[in-house]
Amino acid sequence: MIKAYLGDITHANTDVIVNAANPGLLGGGGVDGAIHRAAGPALLEACKQLKVIDGERCPFGEARLTLAGNLNCKYVVHAVGPIYHQAVNPDQVLVSAYRNALDLVKQHHCQSVTFPAISCGVYGFPHEAAARIAVSTCALPEYAHLQIEFALFSQDLLQLWLDEINLVQ
């Protein structure tokens, strides 16, 4: 089941919250900053424990899992979407970020997950394309058993996601 709503992802009541992270995983602006503030210092400490490879804890298109600190969930999955105007194949990188996040949810035997609109803030991904990619990826058969939610920060984004959800359900 996939649903979308207008709201603050830090208040989501699911097993996993996905953070639209940057490759360093040390916090940032937008949803990343909001999640780090709500989770408290334990989230930053958990991120610091992740292995750094070539200067990054999580390359573009990949995802990493940490405990959730003060959030009302078991885990935070940090997914790094593309910077739209810098990525070689931004659509594929975004698909990869969603798939890698969902695969971590499955690997940790979780049943529910809340996503933000990955790469739709300062990373500049076109919103219509991002909605199509996000929903179509989450609707793949291997994720059908998961309860998937999108907590979106604007009415315009919400409408795009709802339109895409109506096409796949």
C-alpha atoms as a PDB file:
ATOM      1  CA  MET A   1       0.000   0.000   0.000  1.00  0.00           C
ATOM      2  CA  ILE A   2       1.293   3.451  -0.921  1.00  0.00           C
ATOM      3  CA  LYS A   3      -0.102   6.685   0.450  1.00  0.00           C
ATOM      4  CA  ALA A   4       0.958  10.319   0.618  1.00  0.00           C
ATOM      5  CA  TYR A   5       0.118  13.148   2.963  1.00  0.00           C
ATOM      6  CA  LEU A   6       1.121  16.712   3.749  1.00  0.00           C
ATOM      7  CA  GLY A   7       3.137  16.645   6.931  1.00  0.00           C
ATOM      8  CA  ASP A   8       6.310  16.549   8.953  1.00  0.00           C
ATOM      9  CA  ILE A   9       8.261  13.338   8.364  1.00  0.00           C
ATOM     10  CA  THR A  10       9.768  13.558  11.854  1.00  0.00           C
ATOM     11  CA  HIS A  11       6.316  12.738  13.269  1.00  0.00           C
ATOM     12  CA  ALA A  12       5.798   9.658  11.089  1.00  0.00           C
ATOM     13  CA  ASN A  13       4.660   6.530  12.896  1.00  0.00           C
ATOM     14  CA  THR A  14       6.390   3.856  10.814  1.00  0.00           C
ATOM     15  CA  ASP A  15       9.229   1.395  11.399  1.00  0.00           C
ATOM     16  CA  VAL A  16      11.601   3.435   9.221  1.00  0.00           C
ATOM     17  CA  ILE A  17      11.947   7.077   8.249  1.00  0.00           C
ATOM     18  CA  VAL A  18      13.999   7.805   5.146  1.00  0.00           C
ATOM     19  CA  ASN A  19      16.287  10.797   5.261  1.00  0.00           C
ATOM     20  CA  ALA A  20      17.044  12.669   2.038  1.00  0.00           C
ATOM     21  CA  ALA A  21      20.705  12.862   2.951  1.00  0.00           C
ATOM     22  CA  ASN A  22      23.919  14.175   1.503  1.00  0.00           C
ATOM     23  CA  PRO A  23      26.938  11.884   0.951  1.00  0.00           C
ATOM     24  CA  GLY A  24      28.649  12.951   4.186  1.00  0.00           C
ATOM     25  CA  LEU A  25      25.650  11.954   6.359  1.00  0.00           C
ATOM     26  CA  LEU A  26      26.461  14.595   8.953  1.00  0.00           C
ATOM     27  CA  GLY A  27      23.259  16.602   8.667  1.00  0.00           C
ATOM     28  CA  GLY A  28      22.372  19.458   6.400  1.00  0.00           C
ATOM     29  CA  GLY A  29      19.425  21.616   5.461  1.00  0.00           C
ATOM     30  CA  GLY A  30      15.851  20.809   4.540  1.00  0.00           C
ATOM     31  CA  VAL A  31      14.489  17.439   5.565  1.00  0.00           C
ATOM     32  CA  ASP A  32      17.982  16.222   6.472  1.00  0.00           C
ATOM     33  CA  GLY A  33      18.416  18.991   9.023  1.00  0.00           C
ATOM     34  CA  ALA A  34      14.883  18.501  10.381  1.00  0.00           C
ATOM     35  CA  ILE A  35      15.460  14.772  10.909  1.00  0.00           C
ATOM     36  CA  HIS A  36      18.800  15.346  12.618  1.00  0.00           C
ATOM     37  CA  ARG A  37      17.319  18.005  14.914  1.00  0.00           C
ATOM     38  CA  ALA A  38      14.354  15.813  15.875  1.00  0.00           C
ATOM     39  CA  ALA A  39      16.483  12.690  16.371  1.00  0.00           C
ATOM     40  CA  GLY A  40      19.000  14.432  18.603  1.00  0.00           C
ATOM     41  CA  PRO A  41      22.751  13.871  18.860  1.00  0.00           C
ATOM     42  CA  ALA A  42      22.470  10.055  18.809  1.00  0.00           C
ATOM     43  CA  LEU A  43      21.673  10.148  15.078  1.00  0.00           C
ATOM     44  CA  LEU A  44      24.756  12.183  14.246  1.00  0.00           C
ATOM     45  CA  GLU A  45      26.873   9.831  16.360  1.00  0.00           C
ATOM     46  CA  ALA A  46      25.405   6.805  14.550  1.00  0.00           C
ATOM     47  CA  CYS A  47      26.205   8.425  11.203  1.00  0.00           C
ATOM     48  CA  LYS A  48      29.762   9.148  12.281  1.00  0.00           C
ATOM     49  CA  GLN A  49      30.237   5.421  12.932  1.00  0.00           C
ATOM     50  CA  LEU A  50      29.545   4.540   9.290  1.00  0.00           C
ATOM     51  CA  LYS A  51      32.574   3.712   7.181  1.00  0.00           C
ATOM     52  CA  VAL A  52      33.937   6.529   5.007  1.00  0.00           C
ATOM     53  CA  ILE A  53      35.013   5.472   1.502  1.00  0.00           C
ATOM     54  CA  ASP A  54      36.598   8.041  -0.819  1.00  0.00           C
ATOM     55  CA  GLY A  55      35.411  10.834   1.478  1.00  0.00           C
ATOM     56  CA  GLU A  56      31.764   9.728   1.552  1.00  0.00           C
ATOM     57  CA  ARG A  57      29.702   7.685   3.983  1.00  0.00           C
ATOM     58  CA  CYS A  58      27.002   7.169   1.369  1.00  0.00           C
ATOM     59  CA  PRO A  59      27.576   7.755  -2.363  1.00  0.00           C
ATOM     60  CA  PHE A  60      24.845   9.173  -4.606  1.00  0.00           C
ATOM     61  CA  GLY A  61      22.153   6.567  -5.331  1.00  0.00           C
ATOM     62  CA  GLU A  62      22.961   4.488  -2.260  1.00  0.00           C
ATOM     63  CA  ALA A  63      21.466   4.206   1.223  1.00  0.00           C
ATOM     64  CA  ARG A  64      22.686   3.480   4.752  1.00  0.00           C
ATOM     65  CA  LEU A  65      20.781   2.462   7.889  1.00  0.00           C
ATOM     66  CA  THR A  66      21.235   3.784  11.426  1.00  0.00           C
ATOM     67  CA  LEU A  67      19.307   3.691  14.659  1.00  0.00           C
ATOM     68  CA  ALA A  68      16.807   6.526  14.994  1.00  0.00           C
ATOM     69  CA  GLY A  69      17.782   8.428  18.117  1.00  0.00           C
ATOM     70  CA  ASN A  70      14.762  10.264  19.562  1.00  0.00           C
ATOM     71  CA  LEU A  71      12.494   9.658  16.550  1.00  0.00           C
ATOM     72  CA  ASN A  72       9.366   7.517  16.842  1.00  0.00           C
ATOM     73  CA  CYS A  73      10.717   4.760  14.584  1.00  0.00           C
ATOM     74  CA  LYS A  74      13.217   1.907  14.743  1.00  0.00           C
ATOM     75  CA  TYR A  75      15.606   3.103  12.064  1.00  0.00           C
ATOM     76  CA  VAL A  76      16.557   5.951   9.787  1.00  0.00           C
ATOM     77  CA  VAL A  77      17.592   5.019   6.277  1.00  0.00           C
ATOM     78  CA  HIS A  78      19.758   7.738   4.764  1.00  0.00           C
ATOM     79  CA  ALA A  79      19.244   7.786   0.980  1.00  0.00           C
ATOM     80  CA  VAL A  80      21.314  10.077  -1.214  1.00  0.00           C
ATOM     81  CA  GLY A  81      19.522  11.153  -4.353  1.00  0.00           C
ATOM     82  CA  PRO A  82      21.162  12.961  -7.248  1.00  0.00           C
ATOM     83  CA  ILE A  83      21.958  16.619  -7.594  1.00  0.00           C
ATOM     84  CA  TYR A  84      19.885  16.939 -10.746  1.00  0.00           C
ATOM     85  CA  HIS A  85      22.082  19.240 -12.830  1.00  0.00           C
ATOM     86  CA  GLN A  86      25.322  17.474 -11.853  1.00  0.00           C
ATOM     87  CA  ALA A  87      24.363  13.793 -12.155  1.00  0.00           C
ATOM     88  CA  VAL A  88      25.226  11.832 -15.293  1.00  0.00           C
ATOM     89  CA  ASN A  89      21.954   9.878 -15.228  1.00  0.00           C
ATOM     90  CA  PRO A  90      19.806  11.544 -12.551  1.00  0.00           C
ATOM     91  CA  ASP A  91      16.707   9.400 -13.151  1.00  0.00           C
ATOM     92  CA  GLN A  92      18.661   6.176 -12.622  1.00  0.00           C
ATOM     93  CA  VAL A  93      20.426   7.561  -9.547  1.00  0.00           C
ATOM     94  CA  LEU A  94      17.052   8.473  -8.025  1.00  0.00           C
ATOM     95  CA  VAL A  95      15.621   5.013  -8.781  1.00  0.00           C
ATOM     96  CA  SER A  96      18.706   3.514  -7.164  1.00  0.00           C
ATOM     97  CA  ALA A  97      18.326   5.654  -4.026  1.00  0.00           C
ATOM     98  CA  TYR A  98      14.704   4.515  -3.581  1.00  0.00           C
ATOM     99  CA  ARG A  99      15.481   0.863  -4.317  1.00  0.00           C
ATOM    100  CA  ASN A 100      18.471   0.763  -1.984  1.00  0.00           C
ATOM    101  CA  ALA A 101      16.395   2.352   0.786  1.00  0.00           C
ATOM    102  CA  LEU A 102      13.553  -0.137   0.274  1.00  0.00           C
ATOM    103  CA  ASP A 103      15.988  -3.052   0.188  1.00  0.00           C
ATOM    104  CA  LEU A 104      17.379  -1.992   3.583  1.00  0.00           C
ATOM    105  CA  VAL A 105      13.832  -1.811   4.965  1.00  0.00           C
ATOM    106  CA  LYS A 106      13.233  -5.379   3.791  1.00  0.00           C
ATOM    107  CA  GLN A 107      16.622  -6.656   5.016  1.00  0.00           C
ATOM    108  CA  HIS A 108      15.854  -5.396   8.525  1.00  0.00           C
ATOM    109  CA  HIS A 109      12.419  -7.067   8.525  1.00  0.00           C
ATOM    110  CA  CYS A 110      10.505  -3.814   8.780  1.00  0.00           C
ATOM    111  CA  GLN A 111       6.940  -3.494   7.522  1.00  0.00           C
ATOM    112  CA  SER A 112       6.464   0.254   7.138  1.00  0.00           C
ATOM    113  CA  VAL A 113       8.465   3.179   5.822  1.00  0.00           C
ATOM    114  CA  THR A 114       7.972   6.923   5.332  1.00  0.00           C
ATOM    115  CA  PHE A 115       9.834   8.758   2.567  1.00  0.00           C
ATOM    116  CA  PRO A 116      10.302  12.439   1.834  1.00  0.00           C
ATOM    117  CA  ALA A 117      10.492  13.704  -1.744  1.00  0.00           C
ATOM    118  CA  ILE A 118      14.140  12.740  -2.277  1.00  0.00           C
ATOM    119  CA  SER A 119      16.179  15.292  -4.285  1.00  0.00           C
ATOM    120  CA  CYS A 120      13.224  17.701  -4.639  1.00  0.00           C
ATOM    121  CA  GLY A 121      14.677  20.468  -2.486  1.00  0.00           C
ATOM    122  CA  VAL A 122      18.086  22.043  -3.057  1.00  0.00           C
ATOM    123  CA  TYR A 123      19.140  19.096  -5.268  1.00  0.00           C
ATOM    124  CA  GLY A 124      16.732  20.466  -7.894  1.00  0.00           C
ATOM    125  CA  PHE A 125      15.086  17.327  -9.272  1.00  0.00           C
ATOM    126  CA  PRO A 126      12.002  18.211 -11.404  1.00  0.00           C
ATOM    127  CA  HIS A 127       9.025  17.428  -9.209  1.00  0.00           C
ATOM    128  CA  GLU A 128       6.830  15.643 -11.766  1.00  0.00           C
ATOM    129  CA  ALA A 129       9.631  13.293 -12.763  1.00  0.00           C
ATOM    130  CA  ALA A 130      10.574  12.717  -9.125  1.00  0.00           C
ATOM    131  CA  ALA A 131       6.979  11.775  -8.246  1.00  0.00           C
ATOM    132  CA  ARG A 132       6.800   9.339 -11.171  1.00  0.00           C
ATOM    133  CA  ILE A 133      10.102   7.699 -10.239  1.00  0.00           C
ATOM    134  CA  ALA A 134       9.354   7.538  -6.515  1.00  0.00           C
ATOM    135  CA  VAL A 135       5.906   6.005  -6.845  1.00  0.00           C
ATOM    136  CA  SER A 136       6.702   3.617  -9.697  1.00  0.00           C
ATOM    137  CA  THR A 137       9.766   2.326  -7.848  1.00  0.00           C
ATOM    138  CA  CYS A 138       7.852   1.846  -4.599  1.00  0.00           C
ATOM    139  CA  ALA A 139       5.078   0.062  -6.533  1.00  0.00           C
ATOM    140  CA  LEU A 140       7.417  -2.691  -7.787  1.00  0.00           C
ATOM    141  CA  PRO A 141       6.173  -6.189  -6.867  1.00  0.00           C
ATOM    142  CA  GLU A 142       9.091  -6.917  -4.514  1.00  0.00           C
ATOM    143  CA  TYR A 143       7.899  -4.109  -2.232  1.00  0.00           C
ATOM    144  CA  ALA A 144       4.161  -4.893  -2.358  1.00  0.00           C
ATOM    145  CA  HIS A 145       4.128  -6.218   1.224  1.00  0.00           C
ATOM    146  CA  LEU A 146       5.413  -2.929   2.644  1.00  0.00           C
ATOM    147  CA  GLN A 147       3.316  -0.062   3.947  1.00  0.00           C
ATOM    148  CA  ILE A 148       4.892   2.904   2.147  1.00  0.00           C
ATOM    149  CA  GLU A 149       4.099   6.510   2.955  1.00  0.00           C
ATOM    150  CA  PHE A 150       5.320   9.825   1.605  1.00  0.00           C
ATOM    151  CA  ALA A 151       5.357  12.808   3.981  1.00  0.00           C
ATOM    152  CA  LEU A 152       5.484  15.811   1.669  1.00  0.00           C
ATOM    153  CA  PHE A 153       6.219  19.437   2.465  1.00  0.00           C
ATOM    154  CA  SER A 154       3.926  21.252   0.033  1.00  0.00           C
ATOM    155  CA  GLN A 155       0.445  20.925  -1.412  1.00  0.00           C
ATOM    156  CA  ASP A 156       1.884  20.971  -4.946  1.00  0.00           C
ATOM    157  CA  LEU A 157       4.159  17.993  -4.216  1.00  0.00           C
ATOM    158  CA  LEU A 158       1.336  16.163  -2.487  1.00  0.00           C
ATOM    159  CA  GLN A 159      -0.891  16.506  -5.551  1.00  0.00           C
ATOM    160  CA  LEU A 160       1.837  15.198  -7.873  1.00  0.00           C
ATOM    161  CA  TRP A 161       2.404  12.161  -5.641  1.00  0.00           C
ATOM    162  CA  LEU A 162      -1.343  11.480  -5.278  1.00  0.00           C
ATOM    163  CA  ASP A 163      -1.755  11.615  -9.068  1.00  0.00           C
ATOM    164  CA  GLU A 164       1.043   9.049  -9.486  1.00  0.00           C
ATOM    165  CA  ILE A 165      -0.326   6.806  -6.728  1.00  0.00           C
ATOM    166  CA  ASN A 166      -3.720   6.792  -8.454  1.00  0.00           C
ATOM    167  CA  LEU A 167      -2.044   5.560 -11.633  1.00  0.00           C
ATOM    168  CA  VAL A 168      -0.396   2.548  -9.954  1.00  0.00           C
ATOM    169  CA  GLN A 169      -3.153   1.441  -7.564  1.00  0.00           C
END
